[in-house]
Amino acid sequence: MGKFAGSVTLITGASSGIGAAVAREVARQGGDVVLAARREERLRALADEIEAMGCRALVARCDVARDGDLEAVVRKAGDTFGRIDYVVANAGFGVVGDFSELQLEDYRRQFETNVFGVLRTVEATREELIATRGCLAIVGSVNGCVPLPGTSPYSMSKFAVHALASCLWYELRPHGVGVVLIAPGFVQSEIRQVDNRGVHHPRAPDHIPRWLAMGSEKAARRIVRALRRRPRLELITGHARIAVFLERHFPWIFHPAVYLFKVKARARRG
């Protein structure tokens, strides 16, 4: 009997990367899943994998940036499973570039998905989680702790959801609901192949060395473990831990190093 047997986990952004890997890991541990994302054909292929593992998978096409979509997903999950025990608010992408090159619309687009998309997810699933005394995982980023040049829209959005997770930890705790902030560093996913308008370019090179990026399966195992253990913060990847530690405790080393080594996000125009 798996550790997630008898439970239902709703995952946004489940069509690729961390979201898809979390869905597979939950199923490996015996749990049923609700797969929510825009790319329905990918969700159906993932659902076939999960059902071959002996678990149930509900495909729910959803755009977290659109009002009403999450509520429809929750109703569909209720009709199918009757409960939601875990929620992973994972959907998001990154708008990058120098401030001087960006427009206000770039920031609005970033916040609509990364911030308001998380808010819509929490709003739609709050009562379900209270009913099951479940757990909410909000996927932030190490850039929500350590902003870098060229990442102002993305870092701002992740700072915002980090604050949201902290507030919700206090507010939902009396209801028996856990809130976990997941802060990954570099993880193997499609996010660095997505342009500033949210369009995926599968042939775009990923400039992060593979040795530096943690595999999505390993990251998923840590996220699923965090859903069970409910820490307030789960930093994923060793380099994320090092960066946060240096920025907090040795800023006189970290900040000059950013300049010295010209650490900067590579712009993705869109």
C-alpha atoms as a PDB file:
ATOM      1  CA  MET A   1       0.000   0.000   0.000  1.00  0.00           C
ATOM      2  CA  GLY A   2       1.571   3.283  -1.109  1.00  0.00           C
ATOM      3  CA  LYS A   3       1.869   6.320   1.151  1.00  0.00           C
ATOM      4  CA  PHE A   4      -0.625   8.245  -1.035  1.00  0.00           C
ATOM      5  CA  ALA A   5      -3.117   5.406  -1.430  1.00  0.00           C
ATOM      6  CA  GLY A   6      -6.702   6.634  -1.142  1.00  0.00           C
ATOM      7  CA  SER A   7      -5.715  10.275  -1.681  1.00  0.00           C
ATOM      8  CA  VAL A   8      -6.313  12.711  -4.536  1.00  0.00           C
ATOM      9  CA  THR A   9      -3.754  15.309  -5.629  1.00  0.00           C
ATOM     10  CA  LEU A  10      -4.568  18.232  -7.919  1.00  0.00           C
ATOM     11  CA  ILE A  11      -1.569  19.554  -9.866  1.00  0.00           C
ATOM     12  CA  THR A  12      -1.555  22.660 -12.054  1.00  0.00           C
ATOM     13  CA  GLY A  13       0.995  22.922 -14.839  1.00  0.00           C
ATOM     14  CA  ALA A  14       0.916  19.116 -15.004  1.00  0.00           C
ATOM     15  CA  SER A  15       1.670  18.760 -18.717  1.00  0.00           C
ATOM     16  CA  SER A  16       5.478  18.863 -18.393  1.00  0.00           C
ATOM     17  CA  GLY A  17       8.486  19.352 -16.149  1.00  0.00           C
ATOM     18  CA  ILE A  18       8.001  19.400 -12.390  1.00  0.00           C
ATOM     19  CA  GLY A  19       4.216  19.114 -12.605  1.00  0.00           C
ATOM     20  CA  ALA A  20       4.260  15.958 -14.721  1.00  0.00           C
ATOM     21  CA  ALA A  21       7.018  14.441 -12.578  1.00  0.00           C
ATOM     22  CA  VAL A  22       5.045  15.113  -9.376  1.00  0.00           C
ATOM     23  CA  ALA A  23       1.996  13.428 -10.904  1.00  0.00           C
ATOM     24  CA  ARG A  24       4.034  10.324 -11.729  1.00  0.00           C
ATOM     25  CA  GLU A  25       5.569  10.232  -8.245  1.00  0.00           C
ATOM     26  CA  VAL A  26       2.199  10.569  -6.519  1.00  0.00           C
ATOM     27  CA  ALA A  27       0.884   7.706  -8.654  1.00  0.00           C
ATOM     28  CA  ARG A  28       3.977   5.638  -7.895  1.00  0.00           C
ATOM     29  CA  GLN A  29       3.050   6.026  -4.236  1.00  0.00           C
ATOM     30  CA  GLY A  30      -0.528   4.918  -4.897  1.00  0.00           C
ATOM     31  CA  GLY A  31      -2.375   8.231  -5.222  1.00  0.00           C
ATOM     32  CA  ASP A  32      -4.944   9.375  -7.774  1.00  0.00           C
ATOM     33  CA  VAL A  33      -4.307  12.666  -9.578  1.00  0.00           C
ATOM     34  CA  VAL A  34      -6.112  15.558 -11.199  1.00  0.00           C
ATOM     35  CA  LEU A  35      -4.005  16.816 -14.098  1.00  0.00           C
ATOM     36  CA  ALA A  36      -4.628  20.482 -14.932  1.00  0.00           C
ATOM     37  CA  ALA A  37      -2.875  22.397 -17.720  1.00  0.00           C
ATOM     38  CA  ARG A  38      -3.511  24.013 -21.099  1.00  0.00           C
ATOM     39  CA  ARG A  39      -2.049  21.268 -23.311  1.00  0.00           C
ATOM     40  CA  GLU A  40      -4.723  18.592 -23.167  1.00  0.00           C
ATOM     41  CA  GLU A  41      -3.001  16.153 -25.514  1.00  0.00           C
ATOM     42  CA  ARG A  42      -0.004  15.990 -23.187  1.00  0.00           C
ATOM     43  CA  LEU A  43      -2.254  15.504 -20.186  1.00  0.00           C
ATOM     44  CA  ARG A  44      -3.982  12.573 -21.871  1.00  0.00           C
ATOM     45  CA  ALA A  45      -0.642  10.906 -22.625  1.00  0.00           C
ATOM     46  CA  LEU A  46       0.401  11.392 -18.994  1.00  0.00           C
ATOM     47  CA  ALA A  47      -2.958  10.057 -17.787  1.00  0.00           C
ATOM     48  CA  ASP A  48      -2.388   6.883 -19.830  1.00  0.00           C
ATOM     49  CA  GLU A  49       0.973   6.405 -18.072  1.00  0.00           C
ATOM     50  CA  ILE A  50      -0.577   6.850 -14.649  1.00  0.00           C
ATOM     51  CA  GLU A  51      -3.492   4.551 -15.318  1.00  0.00           C
ATOM     52  CA  ALA A  52      -1.018   1.913 -16.501  1.00  0.00           C
ATOM     53  CA  MET A  53       0.494   2.189 -13.002  1.00  0.00           C
ATOM     54  CA  GLY A  54      -2.873   1.229 -11.506  1.00  0.00           C
ATOM     55  CA  CYS A  55      -4.001   4.701 -10.376  1.00  0.00           C
ATOM     56  CA  ARG A  56      -6.729   7.000 -11.637  1.00  0.00           C
ATOM     57  CA  ALA A  57      -5.995  10.223 -13.517  1.00  0.00           C
ATOM     58  CA  LEU A  58      -8.490  12.944 -14.366  1.00  0.00           C
ATOM     59  CA  VAL A  59      -7.598  15.208 -17.290  1.00  0.00           C
ATOM     60  CA  ALA A  60      -8.793  18.782 -16.825  1.00  0.00           C
ATOM     61  CA  ARG A  61      -7.845  21.358 -19.442  1.00  0.00           C
ATOM     62  CA  CYS A  62      -7.227  24.584 -17.552  1.00  0.00           C
ATOM     63  CA  ASP A  63      -5.621  28.000 -17.927  1.00  0.00           C
ATOM     64  CA  VAL A  64      -4.776  29.382 -14.476  1.00  0.00           C
ATOM     65  CA  ALA A  65      -4.749  32.897 -15.942  1.00  0.00           C
ATOM     66  CA  ARG A  66      -8.447  32.668 -16.816  1.00  0.00           C
ATOM     67  CA  ASP A  67     -11.234  33.254 -14.308  1.00  0.00           C
ATOM     68  CA  GLY A  68     -13.472  30.255 -13.718  1.00  0.00           C
ATOM     69  CA  ASP A  69     -11.188  27.525 -15.029  1.00  0.00           C
ATOM     70  CA  LEU A  70      -9.979  26.363 -11.602  1.00  0.00           C
ATOM     71  CA  GLU A  71     -13.507  26.235 -10.202  1.00  0.00           C
ATOM     72  CA  ALA A  72     -14.515  24.034 -13.126  1.00  0.00           C
ATOM     73  CA  VAL A  73     -11.569  21.730 -12.442  1.00  0.00           C
ATOM     74  CA  VAL A  74     -12.518  21.420  -8.758  1.00  0.00           C
ATOM     75  CA  ARG A  75     -16.144  20.613  -9.639  1.00  0.00           C
ATOM     76  CA  LYS A  76     -14.969  17.955 -12.076  1.00  0.00           C
ATOM     77  CA  ALA A  77     -12.629  16.491  -9.451  1.00  0.00           C
ATOM     78  CA  GLY A  78     -15.453  16.436  -6.927  1.00  0.00           C
ATOM     79  CA  ASP A  79     -17.749  14.613  -9.332  1.00  0.00           C
ATOM     80  CA  THR A  80     -15.031  12.048 -10.119  1.00  0.00           C
ATOM     81  CA  PHE A  81     -13.234  11.492  -6.814  1.00  0.00           C
ATOM     82  CA  GLY A  82     -15.333  13.221  -4.164  1.00  0.00           C
ATOM     83  CA  ARG A  83     -12.339  14.809  -2.457  1.00  0.00           C
ATOM     84  CA  ILE A  84      -9.035  16.651  -2.869  1.00  0.00           C
ATOM     85  CA  ASP A  85      -6.290  15.949  -0.330  1.00  0.00           C
ATOM     86  CA  TYR A  86      -3.293  17.705  -1.844  1.00  0.00           C
ATOM     87  CA  VAL A  87      -2.878  20.662  -4.180  1.00  0.00           C
ATOM     88  CA  VAL A  88       0.338  21.566  -6.000  1.00  0.00           C
ATOM     89  CA  ALA A  89       0.130  25.114  -7.410  1.00  0.00           C
ATOM     90  CA  ASN A  90       2.874  24.645  -9.964  1.00  0.00           C
ATOM     91  CA  ALA A  91       1.772  26.405 -13.180  1.00  0.00           C
ATOM     92  CA  GLY A  92       4.059  29.259 -14.158  1.00  0.00           C
ATOM     93  CA  PHE A  93       6.695  30.585 -16.545  1.00  0.00           C
ATOM     94  CA  GLY A  94       9.442  33.201 -16.541  1.00  0.00           C
ATOM     95  CA  VAL A  95       9.589  36.659 -18.105  1.00  0.00           C
ATOM     96  CA  VAL A  96      13.210  37.809 -18.185  1.00  0.00           C
ATOM     97  CA  GLY A  97      15.246  40.693 -19.577  1.00  0.00           C
ATOM     98  CA  ASP A  98      16.664  44.011 -18.476  1.00  0.00           C
ATOM     99  CA  PHE A  99      14.150  46.422 -16.992  1.00  0.00           C
ATOM    100  CA  SER A 100      14.986  48.943 -19.729  1.00  0.00           C
ATOM    101  CA  GLU A 101      13.944  46.419 -22.403  1.00  0.00           C
ATOM    102  CA  LEU A 102      10.632  45.369 -20.846  1.00  0.00           C
ATOM    103  CA  GLN A 103       7.174  46.912 -20.933  1.00  0.00           C
ATOM    104  CA  LEU A 104       4.508  47.097 -18.230  1.00  0.00           C
ATOM    105  CA  GLU A 105       2.558  44.499 -20.166  1.00  0.00           C
ATOM    106  CA  ASP A 106       5.405  42.016 -19.635  1.00  0.00           C
ATOM    107  CA  TYR A 107       5.022  42.433 -15.873  1.00  0.00           C
ATOM    108  CA  ARG A 108       1.240  42.140 -16.050  1.00  0.00           C
ATOM    109  CA  ARG A 109       1.512  38.942 -18.094  1.00  0.00           C
ATOM    110  CA  GLN A 110       3.974  37.492 -15.600  1.00  0.00           C
ATOM    111  CA  PHE A 111       1.810  38.291 -12.581  1.00  0.00           C
ATOM    112  CA  GLU A 112      -1.394  37.046 -14.226  1.00  0.00           C
ATOM    113  CA  THR A 113      -0.001  33.512 -14.399  1.00  0.00           C
ATOM    114  CA  ASN A 114       2.551  33.294 -11.594  1.00  0.00           C
ATOM    115  CA  VAL A 115       0.676  35.267  -8.934  1.00  0.00           C
ATOM    116  CA  PHE A 116      -3.010  35.473  -9.817  1.00  0.00           C
ATOM    117  CA  GLY A 117      -2.871  31.915 -11.163  1.00  0.00           C
ATOM    118  CA  VAL A 118      -1.750  30.732  -7.726  1.00  0.00           C
ATOM    119  CA  LEU A 119      -4.412  32.872  -6.066  1.00  0.00           C
ATOM    120  CA  ARG A 120      -7.093  31.356  -8.301  1.00  0.00           C
ATOM    121  CA  THR A 121      -5.819  27.874  -7.431  1.00  0.00           C
ATOM    122  CA  VAL A 122      -5.920  28.550  -3.684  1.00  0.00           C
ATOM    123  CA  GLU A 123      -9.323  30.215  -3.844  1.00  0.00           C
ATOM    124  CA  ALA A 124     -10.834  27.325  -5.809  1.00  0.00           C
ATOM    125  CA  THR A 125      -9.410  24.547  -3.596  1.00  0.00           C
ATOM    126  CA  ARG A 126      -9.421  26.101  -0.111  1.00  0.00           C
ATOM    127  CA  GLU A 127     -12.681  24.566   1.082  1.00  0.00           C
ATOM    128  CA  GLU A 128     -11.752  21.155  -0.331  1.00  0.00           C
ATOM    129  CA  LEU A 129      -8.459  21.191   1.583  1.00  0.00           C
ATOM    130  CA  ILE A 130     -10.170  22.282   4.793  1.00  0.00           C
ATOM    131  CA  ALA A 131     -12.636  19.413   4.419  1.00  0.00           C
ATOM    132  CA  THR A 132      -9.814  16.836   4.157  1.00  0.00           C
ATOM    133  CA  ARG A 133      -7.295  18.671   6.382  1.00  0.00           C
ATOM    134  CA  GLY A 134      -5.008  18.408   3.395  1.00  0.00           C
ATOM    135  CA  CYS A 135      -1.863  20.154   2.243  1.00  0.00           C
ATOM    136  CA  LEU A 136      -1.167  22.944  -0.246  1.00  0.00           C
ATOM    137  CA  ALA A 137       2.220  23.205  -1.964  1.00  0.00           C
ATOM    138  CA  ILE A 138       3.028  26.485  -3.712  1.00  0.00           C
ATOM    139  CA  VAL A 139       5.902  26.226  -6.169  1.00  0.00           C
ATOM    140  CA  GLY A 140       8.021  29.348  -5.908  1.00  0.00           C
ATOM    141  CA  SER A 141      11.665  29.668  -6.877  1.00  0.00           C
ATOM    142  CA  VAL A 142      15.068  30.367  -5.436  1.00  0.00           C
ATOM    143  CA  ASN A 143      14.671  33.702  -7.292  1.00  0.00           C
ATOM    144  CA  GLY A 144      11.961  34.490  -4.757  1.00  0.00           C
ATOM    145  CA  CYS A 145      14.755  34.551  -2.189  1.00  0.00           C
ATOM    146  CA  VAL A 146      17.710  35.594  -4.338  1.00  0.00           C
ATOM    147  CA  PRO A 147      16.836  37.973  -7.209  1.00  0.00           C
ATOM    148  CA  LEU A 148      19.376  38.366  -9.998  1.00  0.00           C
ATOM    149  CA  PRO A 149      19.889  40.912 -12.793  1.00  0.00           C
ATOM    150  CA  GLY A 150      17.548  40.380 -15.711  1.00  0.00           C
ATOM    151  CA  THR A 151      14.901  38.552 -13.687  1.00  0.00           C
ATOM    152  CA  SER A 152      12.829  41.391 -12.222  1.00  0.00           C
ATOM    153  CA  PRO A 153       9.378  40.227 -13.493  1.00  0.00           C
ATOM    154  CA  TYR A 154       9.980  36.602 -12.526  1.00  0.00           C
ATOM    155  CA  SER A 155      11.656  37.382  -9.197  1.00  0.00           C
ATOM    156  CA  MET A 156       8.907  39.847  -8.253  1.00  0.00           C
ATOM    157  CA  SER A 157       6.249  37.232  -8.966  1.00  0.00           C
ATOM    158  CA  LYS A 158       8.035  34.625  -6.876  1.00  0.00           C
ATOM    159  CA  PHE A 159       8.592  37.042  -3.977  1.00  0.00           C
ATOM    160  CA  ALA A 160       4.827  37.613  -4.074  1.00  0.00           C
ATOM    161  CA  VAL A 161       3.895  33.926  -3.849  1.00  0.00           C
ATOM    162  CA  HIS A 162       6.515  33.387  -1.151  1.00  0.00           C
ATOM    163  CA  ALA A 163       4.734  36.030   0.920  1.00  0.00           C
ATOM    164  CA  LEU A 164       1.370  34.463   0.124  1.00  0.00           C
ATOM    165  CA  ALA A 165       2.591  31.047   1.284  1.00  0.00           C
ATOM    166  CA  SER A 166       3.840  32.518   4.569  1.00  0.00           C
ATOM    167  CA  CYS A 167       0.520  34.232   5.245  1.00  0.00           C
ATOM    168  CA  LEU A 168      -1.512  31.168   4.335  1.00  0.00           C
ATOM    169  CA  TRP A 169       0.606  29.002   6.636  1.00  0.00           C
ATOM    170  CA  TYR A 170      -0.764  31.006   9.584  1.00  0.00           C
ATOM    171  CA  GLU A 171      -4.312  31.339   8.265  1.00  0.00           C
ATOM    172  CA  LEU A 172      -4.894  27.719   7.257  1.00  0.00           C
ATOM    173  CA  ARG A 173      -3.080  26.050  10.147  1.00  0.00           C
ATOM    174  CA  PRO A 174      -6.090  26.349  12.519  1.00  0.00           C
ATOM    175  CA  HIS A 175      -8.099  24.394   9.919  1.00  0.00           C
ATOM    176  CA  GLY A 176      -5.547  21.573   9.894  1.00  0.00           C
ATOM    177  CA  VAL A 177      -4.279  22.471   6.408  1.00  0.00           C
ATOM    178  CA  GLY A 178      -0.558  22.395   5.731  1.00  0.00           C
ATOM    179  CA  VAL A 179       1.081  24.991   3.501  1.00  0.00           C
ATOM    180  CA  VAL A 180       4.490  24.249   1.999  1.00  0.00           C
ATOM    181  CA  LEU A 181       6.549  26.695  -0.047  1.00  0.00           C
ATOM    182  CA  ILE A 182       8.640  24.845  -2.634  1.00  0.00           C
ATOM    183  CA  ALA A 183      11.666  26.863  -3.805  1.00  0.00           C
ATOM    184  CA  PRO A 184      13.565  25.075  -6.585  1.00  0.00           C
ATOM    185  CA  GLY A 185      16.806  26.137  -8.168  1.00  0.00           C
ATOM    186  CA  PHE A 186      17.633  24.835 -11.635  1.00  0.00           C
ATOM    187  CA  VAL A 187      15.519  21.778 -12.481  1.00  0.00           C
ATOM    188  CA  GLN A 188      15.358  20.046 -15.853  1.00  0.00           C
ATOM    189  CA  SER A 189      12.138  21.319 -17.429  1.00  0.00           C
ATOM    190  CA  GLU A 190      10.815  23.329 -20.365  1.00  0.00           C
ATOM    191  CA  ILE A 191      10.704  26.666 -18.526  1.00  0.00           C
ATOM    192  CA  ARG A 192      13.895  27.960 -20.163  1.00  0.00           C
ATOM    193  CA  GLN A 193      12.433  27.159 -23.595  1.00  0.00           C
ATOM    194  CA  VAL A 194       9.385  29.348 -22.992  1.00  0.00           C
ATOM    195  CA  ASP A 195       9.513  32.923 -24.247  1.00  0.00           C
ATOM    196  CA  ASN A 196       8.286  36.054 -22.512  1.00  0.00           C
ATOM    197  CA  ARG A 197       4.788  35.538 -23.910  1.00  0.00           C
ATOM    198  CA  GLY A 198       4.496  32.040 -22.523  1.00  0.00           C
ATOM    199  CA  VAL A 199       5.045  30.266 -25.843  1.00  0.00           C
ATOM    200  CA  HIS A 200       7.094  27.065 -25.770  1.00  0.00           C
ATOM    201  CA  HIS A 201       9.904  26.714 -28.339  1.00  0.00           C
ATOM    202  CA  PRO A 202      10.987  23.056 -28.208  1.00  0.00           C
ATOM    203  CA  ARG A 203      14.115  23.652 -30.302  1.00  0.00           C
ATOM    204  CA  ALA A 204      15.379  26.524 -28.183  1.00  0.00           C
ATOM    205  CA  PRO A 205      18.636  25.613 -26.403  1.00  0.00           C
ATOM    206  CA  ASP A 206      18.748  25.322 -22.637  1.00  0.00           C
ATOM    207  CA  HIS A 207      21.848  27.229 -21.569  1.00  0.00           C
ATOM    208  CA  ILE A 208      21.939  25.718 -18.084  1.00  0.00           C
ATOM    209  CA  PRO A 209      24.472  22.833 -17.991  1.00  0.00           C
ATOM    210  CA  ARG A 210      22.788  19.491 -17.396  1.00  0.00           C
ATOM    211  CA  TRP A 211      25.149  18.761 -14.505  1.00  0.00           C
ATOM    212  CA  LEU A 212      23.812  21.838 -12.690  1.00  0.00           C
ATOM    213  CA  ALA A 213      20.095  21.161 -13.221  1.00  0.00           C
ATOM    214  CA  MET A 214      18.444  18.566 -10.986  1.00  0.00           C
ATOM    215  CA  GLY A 215      16.371  15.961 -12.763  1.00  0.00           C
ATOM    216  CA  SER A 216      12.630  16.565 -12.546  1.00  0.00           C
ATOM    217  CA  GLU A 217      12.050  13.074 -11.097  1.00  0.00           C
ATOM    218  CA  LYS A 218      14.403  13.729  -8.180  1.00  0.00           C
ATOM    219  CA  ALA A 219      12.816  17.130  -7.567  1.00  0.00           C
ATOM    220  CA  ALA A 220       9.375  15.497  -7.629  1.00  0.00           C
ATOM    221  CA  ARG A 221      10.368  12.973  -4.974  1.00  0.00           C
ATOM    222  CA  ARG A 222      11.359  15.813  -2.660  1.00  0.00           C
ATOM    223  CA  ILE A 223       8.173  17.746  -3.354  1.00  0.00           C
ATOM    224  CA  VAL A 224       5.961  14.723  -2.699  1.00  0.00           C
ATOM    225  CA  ARG A 225       7.854  13.996   0.510  1.00  0.00           C
ATOM    226  CA  ALA A 226       7.269  17.620   1.543  1.00  0.00           C
ATOM    227  CA  LEU A 227       3.528  17.182   0.941  1.00  0.00           C
ATOM    228  CA  ARG A 228       3.573  14.440   3.578  1.00  0.00           C
ATOM    229  CA  ARG A 229       5.907  16.098   6.084  1.00  0.00           C
ATOM    230  CA  ARG A 230       4.612  19.675   5.672  1.00  0.00           C
ATOM    231  CA  PRO A 231       7.695  21.842   6.281  1.00  0.00           C
ATOM    232  CA  ARG A 232       7.092  25.570   5.823  1.00  0.00           C
ATOM    233  CA  LEU A 233       9.898  25.786   3.236  1.00  0.00           C
ATOM    234  CA  GLU A 234      11.471  23.143   1.037  1.00  0.00           C
ATOM    235  CA  LEU A 235      14.525  24.349  -0.889  1.00  0.00           C
ATOM    236  CA  ILE A 236      15.093  22.061  -3.862  1.00  0.00           C
ATOM    237  CA  THR A 237      18.668  21.627  -5.230  1.00  0.00           C
ATOM    238  CA  GLY A 238      21.960  22.124  -3.459  1.00  0.00           C
ATOM    239  CA  HIS A 239      22.892  25.284  -5.338  1.00  0.00           C
ATOM    240  CA  ALA A 240      19.616  26.889  -4.205  1.00  0.00           C
ATOM    241  CA  ARG A 241      20.516  26.201  -0.587  1.00  0.00           C
ATOM    242  CA  ILE A 242      24.002  27.637  -1.076  1.00  0.00           C
ATOM    243  CA  ALA A 243      22.725  30.765  -2.849  1.00  0.00           C
ATOM    244  CA  VAL A 244      20.122  31.499  -0.162  1.00  0.00           C
ATOM    245  CA  PHE A 245      22.650  30.914   2.628  1.00  0.00           C
ATOM    246  CA  LEU A 246      25.283  33.199   1.064  1.00  0.00           C
ATOM    247  CA  GLU A 247      22.814  35.963   0.190  1.00  0.00           C
ATOM    248  CA  ARG A 248      21.371  35.970   3.714  1.00  0.00           C
ATOM    249  CA  HIS A 249      24.513  35.568   5.785  1.00  0.00           C
ATOM    250  CA  PHE A 250      27.391  36.716   3.570  1.00  0.00           C
ATOM    251  CA  PRO A 251      25.966  39.413   1.283  1.00  0.00           C
ATOM    252  CA  TRP A 252      29.373  41.125   1.117  1.00  0.00           C
ATOM    253  CA  ILE A 253      30.591  37.986  -0.689  1.00  0.00           C
ATOM    254  CA  PHE A 254      27.494  37.124  -2.686  1.00  0.00           C
ATOM    255  CA  HIS A 255      26.666  40.540  -4.158  1.00  0.00           C
ATOM    256  CA  PRO A 256      30.180  41.327  -5.494  1.00  0.00           C
ATOM    257  CA  ALA A 257      30.321  37.795  -6.938  1.00  0.00           C
ATOM    258  CA  VAL A 258      27.184  38.500  -8.992  1.00  0.00           C
ATOM    259  CA  TYR A 259      28.967  41.472 -10.550  1.00  0.00           C
ATOM    260  CA  LEU A 260      32.345  39.745 -10.850  1.00  0.00           C
ATOM    261  CA  PHE A 261      31.003  36.702 -12.666  1.00  0.00           C
ATOM    262  CA  LYS A 262      28.375  38.716 -14.588  1.00  0.00           C
ATOM    263  CA  VAL A 263      25.561  36.503 -13.337  1.00  0.00           C
ATOM    264  CA  LYS A 264      22.499  37.416 -15.355  1.00  0.00           C
ATOM    265  CA  ALA A 265      19.422  35.809 -16.863  1.00  0.00           C
ATOM    266  CA  ARG A 266      19.619  35.262 -20.595  1.00  0.00           C
ATOM    267  CA  ALA A 267      16.844  37.250 -22.252  1.00  0.00           C
ATOM    268  CA  ARG A 268      14.099  35.275 -24.006  1.00  0.00           C
ATOM    269  CA  ARG A 269      12.306  37.608 -26.349  1.00  0.00           C
ATOM    270  CA  GLY A 270       8.706  36.938 -27.197  1.00  0.00           C
END
